PDB file of N, CA and C in Angstrom:
ATOM      1  N   MET A   1       0.690  -1.341   0.021  1.00  0.00           N
ATOM      2  CA  MET A   1      -0.049   0.056   0.042  1.00  0.00           C
ATOM      3  C   MET A   1       0.853   1.371   0.040  1.00  0.00           C
ATOM      4  N   LYS A   2       0.332   2.238  -0.644  1.00  0.00           N
ATOM      5  CA  LYS A   2       1.137   3.560  -0.869  1.00  0.00           C
ATOM      6  C   LYS A   2       0.870   4.652   0.162  1.00  0.00           C
ATOM      7  N   PHE A   3       1.739   5.108   0.933  1.00  0.00           N
ATOM      8  CA  PHE A   3       1.400   6.327   1.797  1.00  0.00           C
ATOM      9  C   PHE A   3       2.306   7.415   1.462  1.00  0.00           C
ATOM     10  N   THR A   4       1.517   8.759   1.558  1.00  0.00           N
ATOM     11  CA  THR A   4       2.194   9.896   1.240  1.00  0.00           C
ATOM     12  C   THR A   4       2.624  10.512   2.489  1.00  0.00           C
ATOM     13  N   VAL A   5       4.020  10.968   2.586  1.00  0.00           N
ATOM     14  CA  VAL A   5       4.345  11.784   3.951  1.00  0.00           C
ATOM     15  C   VAL A   5       4.544  13.403   3.605  1.00  0.00           C
ATOM     16  N   TYR A   6       4.004  14.074   4.455  1.00  0.00           N
ATOM     17  CA  TYR A   6       4.074  15.660   4.478  1.00  0.00           C
ATOM     18  C   TYR A   6       4.797  15.969   5.804  1.00  0.00           C
ATOM     19  N   GLN A   7       5.641  16.797   5.506  1.00  0.00           N
ATOM     20  CA  GLN A   7       6.359  17.338   6.624  1.00  0.00           C
ATOM     21  C   GLN A   7       6.657  18.948   6.671  1.00  0.00           C
ATOM     22  N   ILE A   8       6.655  19.599   7.658  1.00  0.00           N
ATOM     23  CA  ILE A   8       7.120  21.041   7.603  1.00  0.00           C
ATOM     24  C   ILE A   8       8.572  21.130   7.769  1.00  0.00           C
ATOM     25  N   ASN A   9       9.055  21.910   6.879  1.00  0.00           N
ATOM     26  CA  ASN A   9      10.422  22.119   6.943  1.00  0.00           C
ATOM     27  C   ASN A   9      10.619  23.795   6.508  1.00  0.00           C
ATOM     28  N   LEU A  10      10.672  24.382   7.588  1.00  0.00           N
ATOM     29  CA  LEU A  10      10.669  25.893   7.468  1.00  0.00           C
ATOM     30  C   LEU A  10      11.887  26.451   6.955  1.00  0.00           C
ATOM     31  N   SER A  11      11.838  27.411   6.038  1.00  0.00           N
ATOM     32  CA  SER A  11      13.162  28.148   5.588  1.00  0.00           C
ATOM     33  C   SER A  11      13.643  29.023   6.619  1.00  0.00           C
ATOM     34  N   ASP A  12      14.699  29.537   6.661  1.00  0.00           N
ATOM     35  CA  ASP A  12      15.263  30.470   7.517  1.00  0.00           C
ATOM     36  C   ASP A  12      14.273  31.653   7.617  1.00  0.00           C
ATOM     37  N   THR A  13      13.813  32.130   6.505  1.00  0.00           N
ATOM     38  CA  THR A  13      12.930  33.310   6.562  1.00  0.00           C
ATOM     39  C   THR A  13      11.746  33.051   7.139  1.00  0.00           C
ATOM     40  N   GLN A  14      11.110  32.026   6.922  1.00  0.00           N
ATOM     41  CA  GLN A  14       9.958  31.381   7.448  1.00  0.00           C
ATOM     42  C   GLN A  14      10.235  31.200   8.986  1.00  0.00           C
ATOM     43  N   TYR A  15      11.164  30.713   9.347  1.00  0.00           N
ATOM     44  CA  TYR A  15      11.481  30.608  10.748  1.00  0.00           C
ATOM     45  C   TYR A  15      11.556  31.741  11.580  1.00  0.00           C
ATOM     46  N   GLU A  16      12.078  32.832  11.042  1.00  0.00           N
ATOM     47  CA  GLU A  16      12.009  34.162  11.486  1.00  0.00           C
ATOM     48  C   GLU A  16      10.619  34.834  12.016  1.00  0.00           C
ATOM     49  N   ASN A  17       9.785  34.336  11.122  1.00  0.00           N
ATOM     50  CA  ASN A  17       8.222  34.684  11.344  1.00  0.00           C
ATOM     51  C   ASN A  17       7.775  34.110  12.554  1.00  0.00           C
ATOM     52  N   ARG A  18       7.513  34.815  13.512  1.00  0.00           N
ATOM     53  CA  ARG A  18       7.189  34.237  14.757  1.00  0.00           C
ATOM     54  C   ARG A  18       5.757  33.499  14.753  1.00  0.00           C
ATOM     55  N   ASP A  19       4.962  33.957  13.999  1.00  0.00           N
ATOM     56  CA  ASP A  19       3.513  33.209  13.815  1.00  0.00           C
ATOM     57  C   ASP A  19       3.850  31.704  13.151  1.00  0.00           C
ATOM     58  N   LEU A  20       4.360  31.871  12.041  1.00  0.00           N
ATOM     59  CA  LEU A  20       4.804  30.576  11.238  1.00  0.00           C
ATOM     60  C   LEU A  20       5.500  29.554  12.228  1.00  0.00           C
ATOM     61  N   ARG A  21       6.619  30.199  12.923  1.00  0.00           N
ATOM     62  CA  ARG A  21       7.382  29.304  13.771  1.00  0.00           C
ATOM     63  C   ARG A  21       6.431  28.671  14.988  1.00  0.00           C
ATOM     64  N   GLU A  22       5.491  29.561  15.631  1.00  0.00           N
ATOM     65  CA  GLU A  22       4.554  29.020  16.502  1.00  0.00           C
ATOM     66  C   GLU A  22       3.582  27.864  15.945  1.00  0.00           C
ATOM     67  N   LEU A  23       3.186  28.179  14.750  1.00  0.00           N
ATOM     68  CA  LEU A  23       2.283  27.268  14.090  1.00  0.00           C
ATOM     69  C   LEU A  23       3.047  25.686  13.995  1.00  0.00           C
ATOM     70  N   SER A  24       4.259  25.879  13.575  1.00  0.00           N
ATOM     71  CA  SER A  24       5.025  24.680  13.398  1.00  0.00           C
ATOM     72  C   SER A  24       5.344  23.818  14.556  1.00  0.00           C
ATOM     73  N   LEU A  25       5.751  24.734  15.625  1.00  0.00           N
ATOM     74  CA  LEU A  25       6.017  24.028  16.991  1.00  0.00           C
ATOM     75  C   LEU A  25       4.670  23.569  17.545  1.00  0.00           C
ATOM     76  N   ASP A  26       3.683  24.103  17.330  1.00  0.00           N
ATOM     77  CA  ASP A  26       2.443  23.559  17.840  1.00  0.00           C
ATOM     78  C   ASP A  26       2.026  22.068  17.334  1.00  0.00           C
ATOM     79  N   THR A  27       2.490  21.828  16.256  1.00  0.00           N
ATOM     80  CA  THR A  27       2.265  20.490  15.563  1.00  0.00           C
ATOM     81  C   THR A  27       3.215  19.363  16.168  1.00  0.00           C
ATOM     82  N   ILE A  28       4.252  19.836  16.998  1.00  0.00           N
ATOM     83  CA  ILE A  28       5.450  19.000  17.424  1.00  0.00           C
ATOM     84  C   ILE A  28       5.163  19.014  19.104  1.00  0.00           C
ATOM     85  N   MET A  29       4.877  20.177  19.589  1.00  0.00           N
ATOM     86  CA  MET A  29       4.829  20.164  21.164  1.00  0.00           C
ATOM     87  C   MET A  29       3.447  20.045  21.695  1.00  0.00           C
ATOM     88  N   ASP A  30       2.514  20.177  20.884  1.00  0.00           N
ATOM     89  CA  ASP A  30       1.106  19.977  21.321  1.00  0.00           C
ATOM     90  C   ASP A  30       0.230  19.413  19.978  1.00  0.00           C
ATOM     91  N   PRO A  31       0.560  18.095  19.481  1.00  0.00           N
ATOM     92  CA  PRO A  31       0.029  17.835  18.355  1.00  0.00           C
ATOM     93  C   PRO A  31      -1.505  17.300  18.478  1.00  0.00           C
ATOM     94  N   THR A  32      -2.263  17.962  18.112  1.00  0.00           N
ATOM     95  CA  THR A  32      -3.943  17.851  18.062  1.00  0.00           C
ATOM     96  C   THR A  32      -4.207  17.869  16.588  1.00  0.00           C
ATOM     97  N   PRO A  33      -5.405  17.379  16.312  1.00  0.00           N
ATOM     98  CA  PRO A  33      -5.982  17.514  14.954  1.00  0.00           C
ATOM     99  C   PRO A  33      -6.120  18.985  14.515  1.00  0.00           C
ATOM    100  N   GLU A  34      -6.634  19.783  15.488  1.00  0.00           N
ATOM    101  CA  GLU A  34      -6.682  21.290  15.228  1.00  0.00           C
ATOM    102  C   GLU A  34      -5.316  21.907  14.792  1.00  0.00           C
ATOM    103  N   ALA A  35      -4.185  21.559  15.814  1.00  0.00           N
ATOM    104  CA  ALA A  35      -2.978  22.259  15.417  1.00  0.00           C
ATOM    105  C   ALA A  35      -2.607  21.778  13.922  1.00  0.00           C
ATOM    106  N   ILE A  36      -2.751  20.526  13.675  1.00  0.00           N
ATOM    107  CA  ILE A  36      -2.356  20.194  12.410  1.00  0.00           C
ATOM    108  C   ILE A  36      -3.025  20.741  11.320  1.00  0.00           C
ATOM    109  N   GLN A  37      -4.333  20.817  11.385  1.00  0.00           N
ATOM    110  CA  GLN A  37      -5.128  21.409  10.390  1.00  0.00           C
ATOM    111  C   GLN A  37      -4.669  22.890  10.265  1.00  0.00           C
ATOM    112  N   LYS A  38      -4.440  23.793  11.274  1.00  0.00           N
ATOM    113  CA  LYS A  38      -4.320  25.096  11.406  1.00  0.00           C
ATOM    114  C   LYS A  38      -2.866  25.362  10.670  1.00  0.00           C
ATOM    115  N   ALA A  39      -2.046  24.445  10.624  1.00  0.00           N
ATOM    116  CA  ALA A  39      -0.623  24.671  10.272  1.00  0.00           C
ATOM    117  C   ALA A  39      -0.441  23.967   8.805  1.00  0.00           C
ATOM    118  N   PHE A  40      -1.568  23.203   8.524  1.00  0.00           N
ATOM    119  CA  PHE A  40      -1.272  22.400   7.095  1.00  0.00           C
ATOM    120  C   PHE A  40      -0.698  23.161   5.817  1.00  0.00           C
ATOM    121  N   SER A  41      -1.010  24.387   5.751  1.00  0.00           N
ATOM    122  CA  SER A  41      -0.470  25.099   4.508  1.00  0.00           C
ATOM    123  C   SER A  41       1.070  25.175   4.634  1.00  0.00           C
ATOM    124  N   LEU A  42       1.487  24.984   5.774  1.00  0.00           N
ATOM    125  CA  LEU A  42       3.044  24.670   5.857  1.00  0.00           C
ATOM    126  C   LEU A  42       3.701  23.532   5.555  1.00  0.00           C
ATOM    127  N   TYR A  43       2.871  22.480   5.340  1.00  0.00           N
ATOM    128  CA  TYR A  43       3.272  21.192   5.058  1.00  0.00           C
ATOM    129  C   TYR A  43       3.706  20.871   3.387  1.00  0.00           C
ATOM    130  N   GLU A  44       4.835  20.144   3.214  1.00  0.00           N
ATOM    131  CA  GLU A  44       5.156  19.788   2.017  1.00  0.00           C
ATOM    132  C   GLU A  44       5.156  18.328   1.795  1.00  0.00           C
ATOM    133  N   LYS A  45       4.717  17.846   0.584  1.00  0.00           N
ATOM    134  CA  LYS A  45       4.863  16.386   0.153  1.00  0.00           C
ATOM    135  C   LYS A  45       6.431  16.232   0.067  1.00  0.00           C
ATOM    136  N   VAL A  46       6.898  15.263   0.960  1.00  0.00           N
ATOM    137  CA  VAL A  46       8.379  14.940   1.033  1.00  0.00           C
ATOM    138  C   VAL A  46       8.834  13.637   0.518  1.00  0.00           C
ATOM    139  N   ALA A  47       7.658  12.670   0.773  1.00  0.00           N
ATOM    140  CA  ALA A  47       7.940  11.316   0.265  1.00  0.00           C
ATOM    141  C   ALA A  47       6.726  10.454  -0.105  1.00  0.00           C
ATOM    142  N   GLU A  48       6.962   9.301  -0.670  1.00  0.00           N
ATOM    143  CA  GLU A  48       5.941   8.227  -0.814  1.00  0.00           C
ATOM    144  C   GLU A  48       6.616   7.011  -0.264  1.00  0.00           C
ATOM    145  N   ILE A  49       5.752   6.256   0.614  1.00  0.00           N
ATOM    146  CA  ILE A  49       6.403   4.935   1.165  1.00  0.00           C
ATOM    147  C   ILE A  49       5.412   3.972   0.728  1.00  0.00           C
ATOM    148  N   GLU A  50       6.014   2.826   0.372  1.00  0.00           N
ATOM    149  CA  GLU A  50       5.363   1.785   0.205  1.00  0.00           C
ATOM    150  C   GLU A  50       5.447   0.668   1.266  1.00  0.00           C
ATOM    151  N   THR A  51       4.508   0.310   2.005  1.00  0.00           N
ATOM    152  CA  THR A  51       4.534  -0.473   3.202  1.00  0.00           C
ATOM    153  C   THR A  51       3.215  -0.933   3.458  1.00  0.00           C
ATOM    154  N   LYS A  52       3.064  -1.826   4.545  1.00  0.00           N
ATOM    155  CA  LYS A  52       1.850  -2.684   4.893  1.00  0.00           C
ATOM    156  C   LYS A  52       0.908  -1.701   5.472  1.00  0.00           C
ATOM    157  N   ASP A  53       1.255  -0.684   6.559  1.00  0.00           N
ATOM    158  CA  ASP A  53       0.398   0.078   7.231  1.00  0.00           C
ATOM    159  C   ASP A  53       1.015   1.375   7.775  1.00  0.00           C
ATOM    160  N   PHE A  54       0.278   2.124   8.521  1.00  0.00           N
ATOM    161  CA  PHE A  54       0.901   3.347   9.208  1.00  0.00           C
ATOM    162  C   PHE A  54       2.167   3.077  10.041  1.00  0.00           C
ATOM    163  N   GLU A  55       2.122   1.982  10.835  1.00  0.00           N
ATOM    164  CA  GLU A  55       3.277   1.720  11.644  1.00  0.00           C
ATOM    165  C   GLU A  55       4.367   1.317  10.815  1.00  0.00           C
ATOM    166  N   GLY A  56       4.189   0.791   9.575  1.00  0.00           N
ATOM    167  CA  GLY A  56       5.398   0.447   8.603  1.00  0.00           C
ATOM    168  C   GLY A  56       5.830   1.840   8.157  1.00  0.00           C
ATOM    169  N   VAL A  57       5.091   2.794   7.895  1.00  0.00           N
ATOM    170  CA  VAL A  57       5.510   4.168   7.502  1.00  0.00           C
ATOM    171  C   VAL A  57       6.604   4.887   8.551  1.00  0.00           C
ATOM    172  N   PHE A  58       6.272   4.584   9.750  1.00  0.00           N
ATOM    173  CA  PHE A  58       7.123   4.964  10.810  1.00  0.00           C
ATOM    174  C   PHE A  58       8.411   4.339  10.658  1.00  0.00           C
ATOM    175  N   GLU A  59       8.386   3.017  10.609  1.00  0.00           N
ATOM    176  CA  GLU A  59       9.519   2.335  10.480  1.00  0.00           C
ATOM    177  C   GLU A  59      10.410   2.453   9.440  1.00  0.00           C
ATOM    178  N   VAL A  60       9.875   2.633   8.043  1.00  0.00           N
ATOM    179  CA  VAL A  60      10.517   2.847   6.866  1.00  0.00           C
ATOM    180  C   VAL A  60      11.072   4.152   6.999  1.00  0.00           C
ATOM    181  N   GLY A  61      10.240   5.158   7.402  1.00  0.00           N
ATOM    182  CA  GLY A  61      10.860   6.653   7.591  1.00  0.00           C
ATOM    183  C   GLY A  61      11.898   6.944   8.560  1.00  0.00           C
ATOM    184  N   ASN A  62      12.210   5.780   9.508  1.00  0.00           N
ATOM    185  CA  ASN A  62      13.458   5.991  10.332  1.00  0.00           C
ATOM    186  C   ASN A  62      14.311   5.082  10.195  1.00  0.00           C
ATOM    187  N   LEU A  63      14.071   3.816   9.743  1.00  0.00           N
ATOM    188  CA  LEU A  63      15.239   2.730   9.633  1.00  0.00           C
ATOM    189  C   LEU A  63      15.435   2.355   8.234  1.00  0.00           C
ATOM    190  N   GLY A  64      14.609   2.584   7.188  1.00  0.00           N
ATOM    191  CA  GLY A  64      14.728   2.248   5.857  1.00  0.00           C
ATOM    192  C   GLY A  64      13.779   1.030   5.494  1.00  0.00           C
ATOM    193  N   PRO A  65      13.705   0.910   4.179  1.00  0.00           N
ATOM    194  CA  PRO A  65      12.757  -0.178   3.746  1.00  0.00           C
ATOM    195  C   PRO A  65      13.521  -1.632   3.921  1.00  0.00           C
ATOM    196  N   LYS A  66      12.649  -2.491   4.026  1.00  0.00           N
ATOM    197  CA  LYS A  66      13.057  -3.969   4.042  1.00  0.00           C
ATOM    198  C   LYS A  66      12.509  -4.497   2.622  1.00  0.00           C
ATOM    199  N   THR A  67      13.579  -4.541   1.762  1.00  0.00           N
ATOM    200  CA  THR A  67      13.134  -5.010   0.444  1.00  0.00           C
ATOM    201  C   THR A  67      12.588  -6.359   0.183  1.00  0.00           C
ATOM    202  N   LYS A  68      12.945  -7.105   1.295  1.00  0.00           N
ATOM    203  CA  LYS A  68      12.215  -8.522   1.203  1.00  0.00           C
ATOM    204  C   LYS A  68      10.811  -8.466   1.378  1.00  0.00           C
ATOM    205  N   LEU A  69      10.297  -7.441   2.015  1.00  0.00           N
ATOM    206  CA  LEU A  69       8.835  -7.095   2.328  1.00  0.00           C
ATOM    207  C   LEU A  69       8.209  -6.337   1.344  1.00  0.00           C
ATOM    208  N   GLY A  70       9.025  -5.946   0.210  1.00  0.00           N
ATOM    209  CA  GLY A  70       8.675  -5.040  -0.700  1.00  0.00           C
ATOM    210  C   GLY A  70       8.260  -3.765  -0.461  1.00  0.00           C
ATOM    211  N   GLU A  71       8.952  -3.250   0.836  1.00  0.00           N
ATOM    212  CA  GLU A  71       8.861  -1.875   1.206  1.00  0.00           C
ATOM    213  C   GLU A  71       9.842  -0.987   0.247  1.00  0.00           C
ATOM    214  N   SER A  72       9.496   0.479   0.048  1.00  0.00           N
ATOM    215  CA  SER A  72      10.207   1.228  -0.531  1.00  0.00           C
ATOM    216  C   SER A  72      10.127   2.647  -0.129  1.00  0.00           C
ATOM    217  N   ILE A  73      10.863   3.609  -0.533  1.00  0.00           N
ATOM    218  CA  ILE A  73      10.736   5.098  -0.207  1.00  0.00           C
ATOM    219  C   ILE A  73      11.189   5.802  -1.500  1.00  0.00           C
ATOM    220  N   THR A  74      10.389   6.721  -1.732  1.00  0.00           N
ATOM    221  CA  THR A  74      10.600   7.785  -3.007  1.00  0.00           C
ATOM    222  C   THR A  74      10.549   8.998  -2.397  1.00  0.00           C
ATOM    223  N   ARG A  75      11.773   9.800  -2.199  1.00  0.00           N
ATOM    224  CA  ARG A  75      11.792  11.081  -1.767  1.00  0.00           C
ATOM    225  C   ARG A  75      11.572  12.124  -2.825  1.00  0.00           C
ATOM    226  N   PHE A  76      10.871  13.154  -2.507  1.00  0.00           N
ATOM    227  CA  PHE A  76      10.819  14.295  -3.238  1.00  0.00           C
ATOM    228  C   PHE A  76      11.400  15.471  -2.855  1.00  0.00           C
ATOM    229  N   LEU A  77      11.515  15.538  -1.570  1.00  0.00           N
ATOM    230  CA  LEU A  77      12.171  16.860  -1.009  1.00  0.00           C
ATOM    231  C   LEU A  77      13.038  16.330   0.154  1.00  0.00           C
ATOM    232  N   PRO A  78      14.044  17.163   0.558  1.00  0.00           N
ATOM    233  CA  PRO A  78      14.770  16.691   1.815  1.00  0.00           C
ATOM    234  C   PRO A  78      13.971  16.636   2.811  1.00  0.00           C
ATOM    235  N   MET A  79      13.988  15.256   3.670  1.00  0.00           N
ATOM    236  CA  MET A  79      13.229  15.063   4.723  1.00  0.00           C
ATOM    237  C   MET A  79      14.029  14.580   5.972  1.00  0.00           C
ATOM    238  N   HIS A  80      13.272  14.858   7.146  1.00  0.00           N
ATOM    239  CA  HIS A  80      13.766  14.352   8.395  1.00  0.00           C
ATOM    240  C   HIS A  80      13.190  13.125   8.668  1.00  0.00           C
ATOM    241  N   SER A  81      13.566  12.276   9.602  1.00  0.00           N
ATOM    242  CA  SER A  81      12.858  10.997   9.968  1.00  0.00           C
ATOM    243  C   SER A  81      11.334  11.329  10.230  1.00  0.00           C
ATOM    244  N   VAL A  82      10.580  10.412   9.904  1.00  0.00           N
ATOM    245  CA  VAL A  82       9.189  10.385  10.262  1.00  0.00           C
ATOM    246  C   VAL A  82       8.901  10.614  11.815  1.00  0.00           C
ATOM    247  N   SER A  83       8.378  11.605  12.334  1.00  0.00           N
ATOM    248  CA  SER A  83       8.257  12.061  13.627  1.00  0.00           C
ATOM    249  C   SER A  83       6.902  12.687  13.949  1.00  0.00           C
ATOM    250  N   VAL A  84       6.723  12.995  15.194  1.00  0.00           N
ATOM    251  CA  VAL A  84       5.605  13.639  15.740  1.00  0.00           C
ATOM    252  C   VAL A  84       5.337  14.884  15.083  1.00  0.00           C
ATOM    253  N   GLY A  85       3.976  14.859  14.501  1.00  0.00           N
ATOM    254  CA  GLY A  85       3.487  16.151  13.753  1.00  0.00           C
ATOM    255  C   GLY A  85       3.470  15.822  12.359  1.00  0.00           C
ATOM    256  N   ASP A  86       4.150  14.793  11.849  1.00  0.00           N
ATOM    257  CA  ASP A  86       4.126  14.470  10.486  1.00  0.00           C
ATOM    258  C   ASP A  86       2.804  14.089   9.853  1.00  0.00           C
ATOM    259  N   VAL A  87       2.403  14.429   8.813  1.00  0.00           N
ATOM    260  CA  VAL A  87       0.859  13.840   8.321  1.00  0.00           C
ATOM    261  C   VAL A  87       1.298  12.874   7.251  1.00  0.00           C
ATOM    262  N   VAL A  88       0.449  11.692   7.416  1.00  0.00           N
ATOM    263  CA  VAL A  88       0.556  10.661   6.356  1.00  0.00           C
ATOM    264  C   VAL A  88      -0.820  10.377   5.843  1.00  0.00           C
ATOM    265  N   VAL A  89      -0.773  10.328   4.370  1.00  0.00           N
ATOM    266  CA  VAL A  89      -2.103   9.915   3.854  1.00  0.00           C
ATOM    267  C   VAL A  89      -1.972   8.689   3.079  1.00  0.00           C
ATOM    268  N   ARG A  90      -2.691   7.638   3.372  1.00  0.00           N
ATOM    269  CA  ARG A  90      -2.824   6.363   2.761  1.00  0.00           C
ATOM    270  C   ARG A  90      -3.512   6.634   1.483  1.00  0.00           C
ATOM    271  N   GLU A  91      -3.170   5.790   0.511  1.00  0.00           N
ATOM    272  CA  GLU A  91      -3.617   5.704  -0.886  1.00  0.00           C
ATOM    273  C   GLU A  91      -5.235   5.881  -1.043  1.00  0.00           C
ATOM    274  N   ASP A  92      -5.888   5.284  -0.017  1.00  0.00           N
ATOM    275  CA  ASP A  92      -7.365   5.432  -0.039  1.00  0.00           C
ATOM    276  C   ASP A  92      -7.938   6.680   0.601  1.00  0.00           C
ATOM    277  N   GLY A  93      -7.154   7.521   1.033  1.00  0.00           N
ATOM    278  CA  GLY A  93      -7.390   9.002   1.386  1.00  0.00           C
ATOM    279  C   GLY A  93      -7.431   9.073   2.974  1.00  0.00           C
ATOM    280  N   VAL A  94      -7.283   8.008   3.833  1.00  0.00           N
ATOM    281  CA  VAL A  94      -7.283   7.952   5.162  1.00  0.00           C
ATOM    282  C   VAL A  94      -5.979   8.766   5.664  1.00  0.00           C
ATOM    283  N   THR A  95      -6.365   9.802   6.437  1.00  0.00           N
ATOM    284  CA  THR A  95      -5.307  10.766   6.903  1.00  0.00           C
ATOM    285  C   THR A  95      -4.983  10.705   8.275  1.00  0.00           C
ATOM    286  N   LYS A  96      -3.728  10.532   8.616  1.00  0.00           N
ATOM    287  CA  LYS A  96      -3.401  10.641  10.284  1.00  0.00           C
ATOM    288  C   LYS A  96      -2.073  11.351  10.286  1.00  0.00           C
ATOM    289  N   PHE A  97      -1.962  11.643  11.590  1.00  0.00           N
ATOM    290  CA  PHE A  97      -0.569  12.253  11.963  1.00  0.00           C
ATOM    291  C   PHE A  97       0.113  11.465  12.961  1.00  0.00           C
ATOM    292  N   VAL A  98       1.226  11.673  13.025  1.00  0.00           N
ATOM    293  CA  VAL A  98       2.230  11.052  14.004  1.00  0.00           C
ATOM    294  C   VAL A  98       1.887  11.599  15.204  1.00  0.00           C
ATOM    295  N   ALA A  99       1.412  11.008  16.176  1.00  0.00           N
ATOM    296  CA  ALA A  99       1.101  11.462  17.687  1.00  0.00           C
ATOM    297  C   ALA A  99       2.436  10.955  18.505  1.00  0.00           C
ATOM    298  N   PRO A 100       2.495  11.500  19.754  1.00  0.00           N
ATOM    299  CA  PRO A 100       3.507  11.120  20.544  1.00  0.00           C
ATOM    300  C   PRO A 100       3.360   9.545  20.796  1.00  0.00           C
ATOM    301  N   TYR A 101       2.331   8.909  20.743  1.00  0.00           N
ATOM    302  CA  TYR A 101       2.187   7.448  20.759  1.00  0.00           C
ATOM    303  C   TYR A 101       1.112   6.980  19.711  1.00  0.00           C
ATOM    304  N   GLY A 102       1.728   6.509  18.499  1.00  0.00           N
ATOM    305  CA  GLY A 102       0.849   6.003  17.495  1.00  0.00           C
ATOM    306  C   GLY A 102       0.414   7.070  16.657  1.00  0.00           C
ATOM    307  N   PHE A 103      -0.781   7.011  15.929  1.00  0.00           N
ATOM    308  CA  PHE A 103      -1.237   7.726  14.893  1.00  0.00           C
ATOM    309  C   PHE A 103      -2.544   8.179  15.278  1.00  0.00           C
ATOM    310  N   THR A 104      -2.917   9.620  14.824  1.00  0.00           N
ATOM    311  CA  THR A 104      -4.354  10.145  15.080  1.00  0.00           C
ATOM    312  C   THR A 104      -4.874  10.483  13.934  1.00  0.00           C
ATOM    313  N   ALA A 105      -6.235  10.229  13.833  1.00  0.00           N
ATOM    314  CA  ALA A 105      -6.807  10.614  12.341  1.00  0.00           C
ATOM    315  C   ALA A 105      -7.093  12.211  12.519  1.00  0.00           C
ATOM    316  N   VAL A 106      -6.879  12.624  11.236  1.00  0.00           N
ATOM    317  CA  VAL A 106      -7.174  14.119  11.086  1.00  0.00           C
ATOM    318  C   VAL A 106      -7.816  14.323   9.809  1.00  0.00           C
ATOM    319  N   ASN A 107      -8.752  15.368   9.808  1.00  0.00           N
ATOM    320  CA  ASN A 107      -9.325  15.642   8.407  1.00  0.00           C
ATOM    321  C   ASN A 107      -8.620  17.041   7.807  1.00  0.00           C
ATOM    322  N   ILE A 108      -8.028  16.828   6.661  1.00  0.00           N
ATOM    323  CA  ILE A 108      -7.372  17.877   5.977  1.00  0.00           C
ATOM    324  C   ILE A 108      -8.088  18.294   4.622  1.00  0.00           C
TER     325      ILE A 108
END
């Protein structure tokens, strides 16, 4: 199954903007569906990951794909490891963000 990963990677200029910086930090420090929705315009599509489920996205995004399981990652932009606040969209449209423990559904 294919999953699309979205992350916030603020430029230096964006980071200097206090409002944008606070929006970004809210997705990490207090990740709620509302915080993710509010900041979604800052997210960029950084990768597509082929794996079995959302937990697999976390593993591939941190440890790399296991080719024997048919996992793969295609990067479109520089990305950091998959972590709290990142948004993941499954190919059928189900959208979740990485929470401190597991994943939480969000409507984008």
